[in-house]
Amino acid sequence: MNSAPHPSAFRIELPGWFDGWLAAQPERYADDEARMAAAIELSRMNVEHATGGPFGSLVTHSDGRLIAADRLLMLLARDLLERNPGADVLFNMTDNQALADLIRKQGGRPVMDDGGPARLRARMKELAVPLAGEANGHIFFADRWYGFSDALYAAARLLEVLSLQAGNSAEAFAPYTDTF
């Protein structure tokens, strides 16, 4: 186990252009076309400004509200822990007590780390962790997958989880509070 102290908080630094883009967005997107247009615009801005970042995908509720990465990981962790009781879930959202509490409540063990994608991949392998997530939206699966961040696979797993639930995505995410 890593004995290095974990910070009590961390900071996500988004590109300078992001605040202006976000301020111009509606609280809810009207339909799928508007949601897709927002995802495409984020990707275009990311390339135009050569900033890198988690803007290749955008996850929204069925009612059009954005879903934060920690809430996505909460839903995926709950599903994983139903099938893998006692499993570890690794994440770099070190000040996210709601996520850690949910993992414990579901019978898992939250493993917090302050590293980026390469460190999370290495820690996943080292600890044999089946699920990991970053505050920027990268989701890593070693459960039925290869242990790296793959947006298409994460989307497929999200669709699988949602397909097994009654109601729409807004209802599926309702128990999980925004923490960022």
N, C-alpha and C. Protein backbone atom coordinates (compact mmCIF):
# COMPACT_ATOMS: atom_id res chain seq x y z
N MET A 1 0.84 -1.18 0.00
CA MET A 1 0.00 0.00 0.00
C MET A 1 0.88 1.25 0.00
N ASN A 2 0.48 2.25 -0.70
CA ASN A 2 1.21 3.50 -0.78
C ASN A 2 1.05 4.25 0.54
N SER A 3 2.17 4.54 1.21
CA SER A 3 2.08 5.23 2.50
C SER A 3 2.22 6.74 2.36
N ALA A 4 2.39 7.22 1.13
CA ALA A 4 2.50 8.67 0.92
C ALA A 4 1.18 9.33 1.29
N PRO A 5 1.26 10.47 1.95
CA PRO A 5 0.01 11.16 2.33
C PRO A 5 -0.74 11.63 1.08
N HIS A 6 -2.05 11.56 1.17
CA HIS A 6 -2.88 12.04 0.08
C HIS A 6 -3.27 13.48 0.36
N PRO A 7 -3.29 14.30 -0.67
CA PRO A 7 -3.70 15.68 -0.45
C PRO A 7 -5.17 15.73 -0.04
N SER A 8 -5.53 16.75 0.72
CA SER A 8 -6.93 16.89 1.13
C SER A 8 -7.76 17.53 0.04
N ALA A 9 -7.11 18.06 -0.99
CA ALA A 9 -7.81 18.65 -2.12
C ALA A 9 -6.88 18.62 -3.33
N PHE A 10 -7.46 18.74 -4.48
CA PHE A 10 -6.66 18.86 -5.69
C PHE A 10 -7.36 19.81 -6.62
N ARG A 11 -6.67 20.19 -7.65
CA ARG A 11 -7.21 21.18 -8.57
C ARG A 11 -7.18 20.62 -9.98
N ILE A 12 -8.26 20.82 -10.70
CA ILE A 12 -8.31 20.46 -12.10
C ILE A 12 -8.12 21.75 -12.87
N GLU A 13 -7.15 21.76 -13.75
CA GLU A 13 -6.89 22.96 -14.53
C GLU A 13 -7.38 22.73 -15.96
N LEU A 14 -8.45 23.42 -16.31
CA LEU A 14 -9.01 23.31 -17.64
C LEU A 14 -8.42 24.39 -18.54
N PRO A 15 -8.44 24.19 -19.84
CA PRO A 15 -7.90 25.21 -20.74
C PRO A 15 -8.62 26.55 -20.55
N GLY A 16 -7.91 27.64 -20.80
CA GLY A 16 -8.46 28.98 -20.62
C GLY A 16 -9.74 29.23 -21.39
N TRP A 17 -9.87 28.65 -22.56
CA TRP A 17 -11.05 28.88 -23.38
C TRP A 17 -12.30 28.19 -22.85
N PHE A 18 -12.14 27.20 -21.95
CA PHE A 18 -13.27 26.38 -21.52
C PHE A 18 -14.32 27.17 -20.74
N ASP A 19 -13.89 28.07 -19.85
CA ASP A 19 -14.86 28.84 -19.06
C ASP A 19 -15.81 29.63 -19.95
N GLY A 20 -15.27 30.27 -20.97
CA GLY A 20 -16.11 31.03 -21.89
C GLY A 20 -17.08 30.13 -22.65
N TRP A 21 -16.58 28.97 -23.07
CA TRP A 21 -17.44 28.02 -23.78
C TRP A 21 -18.57 27.56 -22.86
N LEU A 22 -18.22 27.17 -21.64
CA LEU A 22 -19.21 26.65 -20.70
C LEU A 22 -20.26 27.70 -20.34
N ALA A 23 -19.83 28.95 -20.16
CA ALA A 23 -20.76 30.02 -19.80
C ALA A 23 -21.81 30.24 -20.90
N ALA A 24 -21.45 29.93 -22.14
CA ALA A 24 -22.38 30.13 -23.25
C ALA A 24 -23.33 28.95 -23.45
N GLN A 25 -23.16 27.87 -22.66
CA GLN A 25 -23.99 26.68 -22.84
C GLN A 25 -25.28 26.78 -22.02
N PRO A 26 -26.34 26.16 -22.52
CA PRO A 26 -27.59 26.14 -21.74
C PRO A 26 -27.43 25.21 -20.54
N GLU A 27 -28.29 25.37 -19.55
CA GLU A 27 -28.26 24.46 -18.39
C GLU A 27 -28.63 23.05 -18.83
N ARG A 28 -29.52 22.95 -19.80
CA ARG A 28 -29.94 21.65 -20.35
C ARG A 28 -29.93 21.75 -21.87
N TYR A 29 -29.52 20.67 -22.49
CA TYR A 29 -29.56 20.61 -23.95
C TYR A 29 -30.94 20.10 -24.37
N ALA A 30 -31.50 20.70 -25.40
CA ALA A 30 -32.89 20.43 -25.80
C ALA A 30 -33.10 19.01 -26.32
N ASP A 31 -32.13 18.49 -27.05
CA ASP A 31 -32.33 17.18 -27.67
C ASP A 31 -30.97 16.55 -27.98
N ASP A 32 -31.03 15.35 -28.56
CA ASP A 32 -29.80 14.63 -28.90
C ASP A 32 -28.94 15.41 -29.89
N GLU A 33 -29.56 16.08 -30.81
CA GLU A 33 -28.80 16.87 -31.79
C GLU A 33 -28.00 17.98 -31.10
N ALA A 34 -28.60 18.64 -30.14
CA ALA A 34 -27.90 19.70 -29.41
C ALA A 34 -26.77 19.14 -28.56
N ARG A 35 -27.00 17.97 -27.95
CA ARG A 35 -25.94 17.32 -27.17
C ARG A 35 -24.77 16.94 -28.06
N MET A 36 -25.06 16.37 -29.22
CA MET A 36 -24.01 15.97 -30.15
C MET A 36 -23.26 17.20 -30.67
N ALA A 37 -23.97 18.26 -30.94
CA ALA A 37 -23.33 19.49 -31.40
C ALA A 37 -22.37 20.02 -30.34
N ALA A 38 -22.73 19.93 -29.06
CA ALA A 38 -21.85 20.38 -27.98
C ALA A 38 -20.59 19.52 -27.92
N ALA A 39 -20.74 18.20 -28.05
CA ALA A 39 -19.57 17.31 -28.02
C ALA A 39 -18.65 17.59 -29.20
N ILE A 40 -19.22 17.81 -30.36
CA ILE A 40 -18.42 18.12 -31.55
C ILE A 40 -17.71 19.45 -31.38
N GLU A 41 -18.40 20.44 -30.83
CA GLU A 41 -17.79 21.75 -30.61
C GLU A 41 -16.63 21.66 -29.61
N LEU A 42 -16.80 20.89 -28.53
CA LEU A 42 -15.71 20.71 -27.57
C LEU A 42 -14.50 20.07 -28.25
N SER A 43 -14.74 19.06 -29.03
CA SER A 43 -13.63 18.40 -29.75
C SER A 43 -12.94 19.37 -30.71
N ARG A 44 -13.73 20.16 -31.43
CA ARG A 44 -13.16 21.12 -32.37
C ARG A 44 -12.30 22.15 -31.64
N MET A 45 -12.82 22.69 -30.54
CA MET A 45 -12.07 23.68 -29.77
C MET A 45 -10.78 23.08 -29.21
N ASN A 46 -10.87 21.86 -28.77
CA ASN A 46 -9.71 21.16 -28.23
C ASN A 46 -8.61 21.06 -29.28
N VAL A 47 -8.98 20.69 -30.49
CA VAL A 47 -8.01 20.58 -31.59
C VAL A 47 -7.52 21.97 -32.00
N GLU A 48 -8.44 22.90 -32.15
CA GLU A 48 -8.09 24.26 -32.58
C GLU A 48 -7.07 24.91 -31.65
N HIS A 49 -7.25 24.71 -30.34
CA HIS A 49 -6.36 25.33 -29.36
C HIS A 49 -5.21 24.41 -28.94
N ALA A 50 -5.18 23.19 -29.47
CA ALA A 50 -4.13 22.21 -29.15
C ALA A 50 -3.93 22.08 -27.64
N THR A 51 -5.04 21.94 -26.92
CA THR A 51 -4.96 21.90 -25.46
C THR A 51 -5.04 20.51 -24.88
N GLY A 52 -5.44 19.52 -25.63
CA GLY A 52 -5.63 18.20 -25.05
C GLY A 52 -6.76 18.26 -24.04
N GLY A 53 -7.13 17.15 -23.50
CA GLY A 53 -8.15 17.20 -22.46
C GLY A 53 -9.30 16.26 -22.73
N PRO A 54 -10.23 16.22 -21.79
CA PRO A 54 -11.31 15.24 -21.82
C PRO A 54 -12.49 15.70 -22.66
N PHE A 55 -12.21 16.25 -23.82
CA PHE A 55 -13.30 16.84 -24.58
C PHE A 55 -13.67 16.04 -25.82
N GLY A 56 -13.26 14.80 -25.88
CA GLY A 56 -13.64 13.97 -27.01
C GLY A 56 -15.02 13.36 -26.81
N SER A 57 -15.53 13.44 -25.60
CA SER A 57 -16.84 12.87 -25.34
C SER A 57 -17.56 13.74 -24.32
N LEU A 58 -18.84 13.56 -24.28
CA LEU A 58 -19.69 14.34 -23.39
C LEU A 58 -20.84 13.43 -23.00
N VAL A 59 -21.09 13.27 -21.72
CA VAL A 59 -22.17 12.41 -21.26
C VAL A 59 -23.23 13.30 -20.63
N THR A 60 -24.46 13.11 -21.08
CA THR A 60 -25.57 13.89 -20.54
C THR A 60 -26.71 12.96 -20.11
N HIS A 61 -27.52 13.47 -19.18
CA HIS A 61 -28.75 12.79 -18.79
C HIS A 61 -29.71 12.80 -19.97
N SER A 62 -30.75 11.99 -19.86
CA SER A 62 -31.80 12.01 -20.87
C SER A 62 -32.51 13.37 -20.87
N ASP A 63 -32.40 14.12 -19.77
CA ASP A 63 -33.03 15.44 -19.73
C ASP A 63 -32.07 16.55 -20.18
N GLY A 64 -30.86 16.18 -20.61
CA GLY A 64 -29.94 17.15 -21.19
C GLY A 64 -28.88 17.70 -20.27
N ARG A 65 -28.92 17.41 -18.97
CA ARG A 65 -27.90 17.92 -18.06
C ARG A 65 -26.62 17.10 -18.19
N LEU A 66 -25.47 17.78 -18.02
CA LEU A 66 -24.19 17.10 -18.07
C LEU A 66 -24.03 16.16 -16.88
N ILE A 67 -23.35 15.04 -17.10
CA ILE A 67 -23.06 14.09 -16.03
C ILE A 67 -21.58 14.20 -15.72
N ALA A 68 -21.25 14.56 -14.49
CA ALA A 68 -19.85 14.69 -14.07
C ALA A 68 -19.19 13.32 -14.00
N ALA A 69 -17.88 13.31 -14.17
CA ALA A 69 -17.11 12.06 -14.18
C ALA A 69 -17.28 11.26 -12.90
N ASP A 70 -17.34 11.93 -11.76
CA ASP A 70 -17.48 11.19 -10.51
C ASP A 70 -18.84 10.49 -10.42
N ARG A 71 -19.88 11.12 -10.93
CA ARG A 71 -21.20 10.49 -10.93
C ARG A 71 -21.23 9.29 -11.87
N LEU A 72 -20.56 9.42 -13.00
CA LEU A 72 -20.45 8.29 -13.94
C LEU A 72 -19.74 7.13 -13.26
N LEU A 73 -18.63 7.43 -12.58
CA LEU A 73 -17.89 6.37 -11.89
C LEU A 73 -18.72 5.75 -10.77
N MET A 74 -19.55 6.54 -10.10
CA MET A 74 -20.43 6.00 -9.05
C MET A 74 -21.36 4.94 -9.63
N LEU A 75 -22.00 5.25 -10.75
CA LEU A 75 -22.93 4.30 -11.36
C LEU A 75 -22.19 3.04 -11.83
N LEU A 76 -21.06 3.22 -12.48
CA LEU A 76 -20.28 2.08 -12.97
C LEU A 76 -19.73 1.25 -11.81
N ALA A 77 -19.30 1.91 -10.73
CA ALA A 77 -18.78 1.19 -9.57
C ALA A 77 -19.87 0.37 -8.91
N ARG A 78 -21.05 0.95 -8.78
CA ARG A 78 -22.16 0.20 -8.18
C ARG A 78 -22.43 -1.08 -8.96
N ASP A 79 -22.47 -0.96 -10.29
CA ASP A 79 -22.70 -2.12 -11.14
C ASP A 79 -21.58 -3.15 -10.98
N LEU A 80 -20.35 -2.70 -11.04
CA LEU A 80 -19.21 -3.60 -10.92
C LEU A 80 -19.22 -4.32 -9.57
N LEU A 81 -19.49 -3.59 -8.50
CA LEU A 81 -19.45 -4.17 -7.16
C LEU A 81 -20.60 -5.13 -6.90
N GLU A 82 -21.69 -5.00 -7.63
CA GLU A 82 -22.77 -5.99 -7.52
C GLU A 82 -22.30 -7.34 -8.04
N ARG A 83 -21.45 -7.32 -9.05
CA ARG A 83 -20.93 -8.56 -9.64
C ARG A 83 -19.60 -9.00 -9.05
N ASN A 84 -18.88 -8.08 -8.41
CA ASN A 84 -17.55 -8.35 -7.85
C ASN A 84 -17.47 -7.80 -6.43
N PRO A 85 -18.20 -8.41 -5.50
CA PRO A 85 -18.20 -7.89 -4.13
C PRO A 85 -16.77 -7.83 -3.57
N GLY A 86 -16.48 -6.74 -2.87
CA GLY A 86 -15.18 -6.59 -2.24
C GLY A 86 -14.09 -6.05 -3.15
N ALA A 87 -14.41 -5.79 -4.41
CA ALA A 87 -13.39 -5.32 -5.36
C ALA A 87 -12.92 -3.91 -5.00
N ASP A 88 -11.71 -3.61 -5.41
CA ASP A 88 -11.16 -2.26 -5.27
C ASP A 88 -11.63 -1.41 -6.44
N VAL A 89 -11.84 -0.13 -6.20
CA VAL A 89 -12.11 0.85 -7.25
C VAL A 89 -11.10 1.98 -7.05
N LEU A 90 -10.32 2.24 -8.07
CA LEU A 90 -9.24 3.22 -8.01
C LEU A 90 -9.69 4.51 -8.67
N PHE A 91 -9.37 5.65 -8.04
CA PHE A 91 -9.73 6.93 -8.65
C PHE A 91 -8.80 8.01 -8.17
N ASN A 92 -8.70 9.09 -8.97
CA ASN A 92 -7.82 10.19 -8.61
C ASN A 92 -8.60 11.41 -8.12
N MET A 93 -9.81 11.21 -7.70
CA MET A 93 -10.64 12.29 -7.16
C MET A 93 -10.49 12.23 -5.64
N THR A 94 -9.30 12.56 -5.16
CA THR A 94 -8.93 12.27 -3.78
C THR A 94 -9.74 13.01 -2.73
N ASP A 95 -10.45 14.05 -3.11
CA ASP A 95 -11.27 14.73 -2.11
C ASP A 95 -12.75 14.38 -2.26
N ASN A 96 -13.04 13.33 -3.00
CA ASN A 96 -14.42 12.98 -3.28
C ASN A 96 -14.93 11.96 -2.27
N GLN A 97 -15.41 12.44 -1.14
CA GLN A 97 -15.89 11.56 -0.09
C GLN A 97 -17.15 10.81 -0.50
N ALA A 98 -18.01 11.44 -1.31
CA ALA A 98 -19.25 10.77 -1.74
C ALA A 98 -18.94 9.52 -2.55
N LEU A 99 -17.95 9.59 -3.43
CA LEU A 99 -17.55 8.43 -4.23
C LEU A 99 -16.97 7.35 -3.33
N ALA A 100 -16.07 7.71 -2.43
CA ALA A 100 -15.47 6.74 -1.52
C ALA A 100 -16.55 6.09 -0.65
N ASP A 101 -17.49 6.88 -0.15
CA ASP A 101 -18.57 6.34 0.68
C ASP A 101 -19.44 5.36 -0.09
N LEU A 102 -19.76 5.71 -1.33
CA LEU A 102 -20.59 4.81 -2.14
C LEU A 102 -19.88 3.48 -2.37
N ILE A 103 -18.60 3.52 -2.67
CA ILE A 103 -17.84 2.29 -2.91
C ILE A 103 -17.85 1.43 -1.64
N ARG A 104 -17.62 2.05 -0.49
CA ARG A 104 -17.66 1.29 0.78
C ARG A 104 -19.05 0.71 1.03
N LYS A 105 -20.08 1.53 0.82
CA LYS A 105 -21.47 1.09 1.05
C LYS A 105 -21.82 -0.10 0.16
N GLN A 106 -21.27 -0.14 -1.04
CA GLN A 106 -21.53 -1.24 -1.96
C GLN A 106 -20.63 -2.45 -1.69
N GLY A 107 -19.80 -2.37 -0.66
CA GLY A 107 -18.97 -3.50 -0.28
C GLY A 107 -17.60 -3.51 -0.93
N GLY A 108 -17.23 -2.42 -1.58
CA GLY A 108 -15.92 -2.34 -2.22
C GLY A 108 -14.93 -1.58 -1.37
N ARG A 109 -13.73 -1.42 -1.91
CA ARG A 109 -12.68 -0.68 -1.22
C ARG A 109 -12.22 0.47 -2.11
N PRO A 110 -12.46 1.71 -1.69
CA PRO A 110 -11.97 2.84 -2.48
C PRO A 110 -10.46 2.97 -2.34
N VAL A 111 -9.79 3.11 -3.48
CA VAL A 111 -8.34 3.30 -3.50
C VAL A 111 -8.10 4.63 -4.19
N MET A 112 -7.66 5.62 -3.42
CA MET A 112 -7.46 6.95 -3.97
C MET A 112 -6.00 7.16 -4.32
N ASP A 113 -5.79 7.83 -5.43
CA ASP A 113 -4.44 8.11 -5.92
C ASP A 113 -4.47 9.47 -6.59
N ASP A 114 -3.37 10.16 -6.57
CA ASP A 114 -3.36 11.50 -7.17
C ASP A 114 -2.64 11.53 -8.52
N GLY A 115 -2.45 10.36 -9.12
CA GLY A 115 -1.74 10.30 -10.40
C GLY A 115 -2.63 10.51 -11.60
N GLY A 116 -2.00 10.65 -12.75
CA GLY A 116 -2.68 10.79 -14.02
C GLY A 116 -2.89 9.44 -14.68
N PRO A 117 -3.20 9.43 -15.98
CA PRO A 117 -3.55 8.19 -16.68
C PRO A 117 -2.47 7.10 -16.60
N ALA A 118 -1.22 7.45 -16.82
CA ALA A 118 -0.16 6.44 -16.80
C ALA A 118 -0.03 5.82 -15.41
N ARG A 119 -0.08 6.65 -14.39
CA ARG A 119 0.03 6.13 -13.02
C ARG A 119 -1.17 5.26 -12.66
N LEU A 120 -2.38 5.69 -13.06
CA LEU A 120 -3.56 4.87 -12.76
C LEU A 120 -3.48 3.51 -13.45
N ARG A 121 -3.03 3.49 -14.70
CA ARG A 121 -2.86 2.21 -15.40
C ARG A 121 -1.89 1.31 -14.65
N ALA A 122 -0.76 1.88 -14.23
CA ALA A 122 0.24 1.09 -13.51
C ALA A 122 -0.32 0.60 -12.17
N ARG A 123 -1.02 1.47 -11.45
CA ARG A 123 -1.60 1.07 -10.16
C ARG A 123 -2.70 0.02 -10.34
N MET A 124 -3.47 0.14 -11.43
CA MET A 124 -4.49 -0.89 -11.71
C MET A 124 -3.84 -2.25 -11.83
N LYS A 125 -2.77 -2.31 -12.59
CA LYS A 125 -2.07 -3.58 -12.80
C LYS A 125 -1.45 -4.08 -11.49
N GLU A 126 -0.80 -3.17 -10.79
CA GLU A 126 -0.14 -3.52 -9.52
C GLU A 126 -1.13 -4.08 -8.51
N LEU A 127 -2.29 -3.46 -8.39
CA LEU A 127 -3.28 -3.84 -7.38
C LEU A 127 -4.37 -4.77 -7.90
N ALA A 128 -4.34 -5.09 -9.19
CA ALA A 128 -5.38 -5.91 -9.83
C ALA A 128 -6.77 -5.31 -9.62
N VAL A 129 -6.87 -4.01 -9.89
CA VAL A 129 -8.12 -3.27 -9.72
C VAL A 129 -8.95 -3.39 -11.00
N PRO A 130 -10.24 -3.74 -10.89
CA PRO A 130 -11.05 -3.91 -12.09
C PRO A 130 -11.62 -2.62 -12.70
N LEU A 131 -11.64 -1.52 -11.92
CA LEU A 131 -12.24 -0.28 -12.40
C LEU A 131 -11.49 0.90 -11.81
N ALA A 132 -11.22 1.88 -12.66
CA ALA A 132 -10.57 3.11 -12.21
C ALA A 132 -11.15 4.28 -12.98
N GLY A 133 -11.06 5.47 -12.40
CA GLY A 133 -11.57 6.65 -13.09
C GLY A 133 -10.83 7.89 -12.67
N GLU A 134 -10.81 8.85 -13.59
CA GLU A 134 -10.17 10.14 -13.35
C GLU A 134 -11.22 11.25 -13.35
N ALA A 135 -10.88 12.33 -12.69
CA ALA A 135 -11.78 13.48 -12.64
C ALA A 135 -12.05 14.05 -14.03
N ASN A 136 -11.13 13.83 -14.96
CA ASN A 136 -11.31 14.37 -16.31
C ASN A 136 -12.17 13.47 -17.19
N GLY A 137 -12.67 12.37 -16.67
CA GLY A 137 -13.59 11.54 -17.42
C GLY A 137 -13.00 10.27 -18.00
N HIS A 138 -11.69 10.05 -17.88
CA HIS A 138 -11.13 8.79 -18.34
C HIS A 138 -11.59 7.67 -17.42
N ILE A 139 -12.14 6.62 -18.00
CA ILE A 139 -12.59 5.46 -17.24
C ILE A 139 -11.78 4.27 -17.74
N PHE A 140 -11.21 3.50 -16.80
CA PHE A 140 -10.36 2.35 -17.11
C PHE A 140 -11.06 1.08 -16.63
N PHE A 141 -11.18 0.10 -17.48
CA PHE A 141 -11.76 -1.18 -17.10
C PHE A 141 -10.74 -2.30 -17.26
N ALA A 142 -10.57 -3.10 -16.22
CA ALA A 142 -9.82 -4.35 -16.32
C ALA A 142 -10.81 -5.51 -16.08
N ASP A 143 -12.06 -5.19 -15.93
CA ASP A 143 -13.14 -6.16 -15.79
C ASP A 143 -13.73 -6.37 -17.18
N ARG A 144 -13.53 -7.56 -17.74
CA ARG A 144 -13.99 -7.88 -19.09
C ARG A 144 -13.34 -6.97 -20.15
N TRP A 145 -12.20 -6.38 -19.84
CA TRP A 145 -11.49 -5.53 -20.79
C TRP A 145 -10.02 -5.54 -20.44
N TYR A 146 -9.22 -4.67 -21.05
CA TYR A 146 -7.76 -4.78 -21.01
C TYR A 146 -7.06 -3.87 -20.01
N GLY A 147 -7.76 -3.08 -19.24
CA GLY A 147 -7.12 -2.29 -18.21
C GLY A 147 -6.58 -0.95 -18.65
N PHE A 148 -7.21 -0.36 -19.65
CA PHE A 148 -6.80 0.99 -20.06
C PHE A 148 -8.03 1.83 -20.32
N SER A 149 -7.82 3.12 -20.48
CA SER A 149 -8.91 4.05 -20.73
C SER A 149 -9.38 3.91 -22.18
N ASP A 150 -10.64 3.61 -22.35
CA ASP A 150 -11.21 3.41 -23.68
C ASP A 150 -12.62 3.99 -23.66
N ALA A 151 -12.79 5.15 -24.28
CA ALA A 151 -14.07 5.85 -24.24
C ALA A 151 -15.20 5.04 -24.86
N LEU A 152 -14.92 4.34 -25.96
CA LEU A 152 -15.98 3.55 -26.59
C LEU A 152 -16.41 2.39 -25.70
N TYR A 153 -15.45 1.73 -25.08
CA TYR A 153 -15.81 0.64 -24.19
C TYR A 153 -16.56 1.17 -22.96
N ALA A 154 -16.10 2.29 -22.41
CA ALA A 154 -16.79 2.88 -21.26
C ALA A 154 -18.23 3.24 -21.64
N ALA A 155 -18.41 3.76 -22.84
CA ALA A 155 -19.76 4.09 -23.31
C ALA A 155 -20.62 2.84 -23.43
N ALA A 156 -20.02 1.76 -23.94
CA ALA A 156 -20.75 0.50 -24.07
C ALA A 156 -21.14 -0.03 -22.69
N ARG A 157 -20.23 0.06 -21.73
CA ARG A 157 -20.55 -0.40 -20.38
C ARG A 157 -21.64 0.46 -19.75
N LEU A 158 -21.58 1.77 -19.99
CA LEU A 158 -22.63 2.65 -19.48
C LEU A 158 -23.98 2.27 -20.08
N LEU A 159 -24.01 2.04 -21.38
CA LEU A 159 -25.27 1.63 -22.02
C LEU A 159 -25.76 0.30 -21.47
N GLU A 160 -24.84 -0.62 -21.20
CA GLU A 160 -25.23 -1.90 -20.60
C GLU A 160 -25.88 -1.67 -19.24
N VAL A 161 -25.26 -0.87 -18.40
CA VAL A 161 -25.80 -0.60 -17.06
C VAL A 161 -27.17 0.06 -17.17
N LEU A 162 -27.28 1.05 -18.03
CA LEU A 162 -28.56 1.75 -18.18
C LEU A 162 -29.64 0.84 -18.73
N SER A 163 -29.28 -0.09 -19.62
CA SER A 163 -30.27 -0.99 -20.21
C SER A 163 -30.85 -1.95 -19.18
N LEU A 164 -30.13 -2.19 -18.10
CA LEU A 164 -30.58 -3.12 -17.07
C LEU A 164 -31.41 -2.43 -15.98
N GLN A 165 -31.63 -1.13 -16.12
CA GLN A 165 -32.35 -0.37 -15.12
C GLN A 165 -33.71 0.07 -15.65
N ALA A 166 -34.64 0.20 -14.74
CA ALA A 166 -35.93 0.77 -15.11
C ALA A 166 -35.75 2.28 -15.19
N GLY A 167 -36.46 2.93 -16.05
CA GLY A 167 -36.41 4.38 -16.14
C GLY A 167 -35.34 4.87 -17.09
N ASN A 168 -35.17 6.18 -17.11
CA ASN A 168 -34.21 6.79 -18.03
C ASN A 168 -32.90 7.11 -17.30
N SER A 169 -31.96 7.71 -18.02
CA SER A 169 -30.66 7.97 -17.43
C SER A 169 -30.72 9.01 -16.31
N ALA A 170 -31.62 9.98 -16.41
CA ALA A 170 -31.75 10.96 -15.33
C ALA A 170 -32.14 10.26 -14.03
N GLU A 171 -33.04 9.28 -14.12
CA GLU A 171 -33.44 8.53 -12.94
C GLU A 171 -32.31 7.64 -12.43
N ALA A 172 -31.54 7.07 -13.35
CA ALA A 172 -30.43 6.20 -12.95
C ALA A 172 -29.36 6.97 -12.20
N PHE A 173 -29.12 8.23 -12.58
CA PHE A 173 -28.08 9.03 -11.94
C PHE A 173 -28.62 9.85 -10.76
N ALA A 174 -29.92 9.87 -10.55
CA ALA A 174 -30.50 10.71 -9.49
C ALA A 174 -29.92 10.45 -8.09
N PRO A 175 -29.61 9.21 -7.72
CA PRO A 175 -29.06 9.00 -6.36
C PRO A 175 -27.66 9.57 -6.14
N TYR A 176 -26.98 9.91 -7.21
CA TYR A 176 -25.58 10.32 -7.10
C TYR A 176 -25.48 11.84 -7.23
N THR A 177 -25.01 12.46 -6.18
CA THR A 177 -24.94 13.92 -6.14
C THR A 177 -23.73 14.45 -6.90
N ASP A 178 -23.85 15.65 -7.43
CA ASP A 178 -22.71 16.33 -8.03
C ASP A 178 -21.75 16.69 -6.91
N THR A 179 -20.49 16.33 -7.09
CA THR A 179 -19.51 16.65 -6.05
C THR A 179 -18.40 17.55 -6.57
N PHE A 180 -18.36 17.81 -7.87
CA PHE A 180 -17.36 18.70 -8.44
C PHE A 180 -18.04 19.92 -8.96
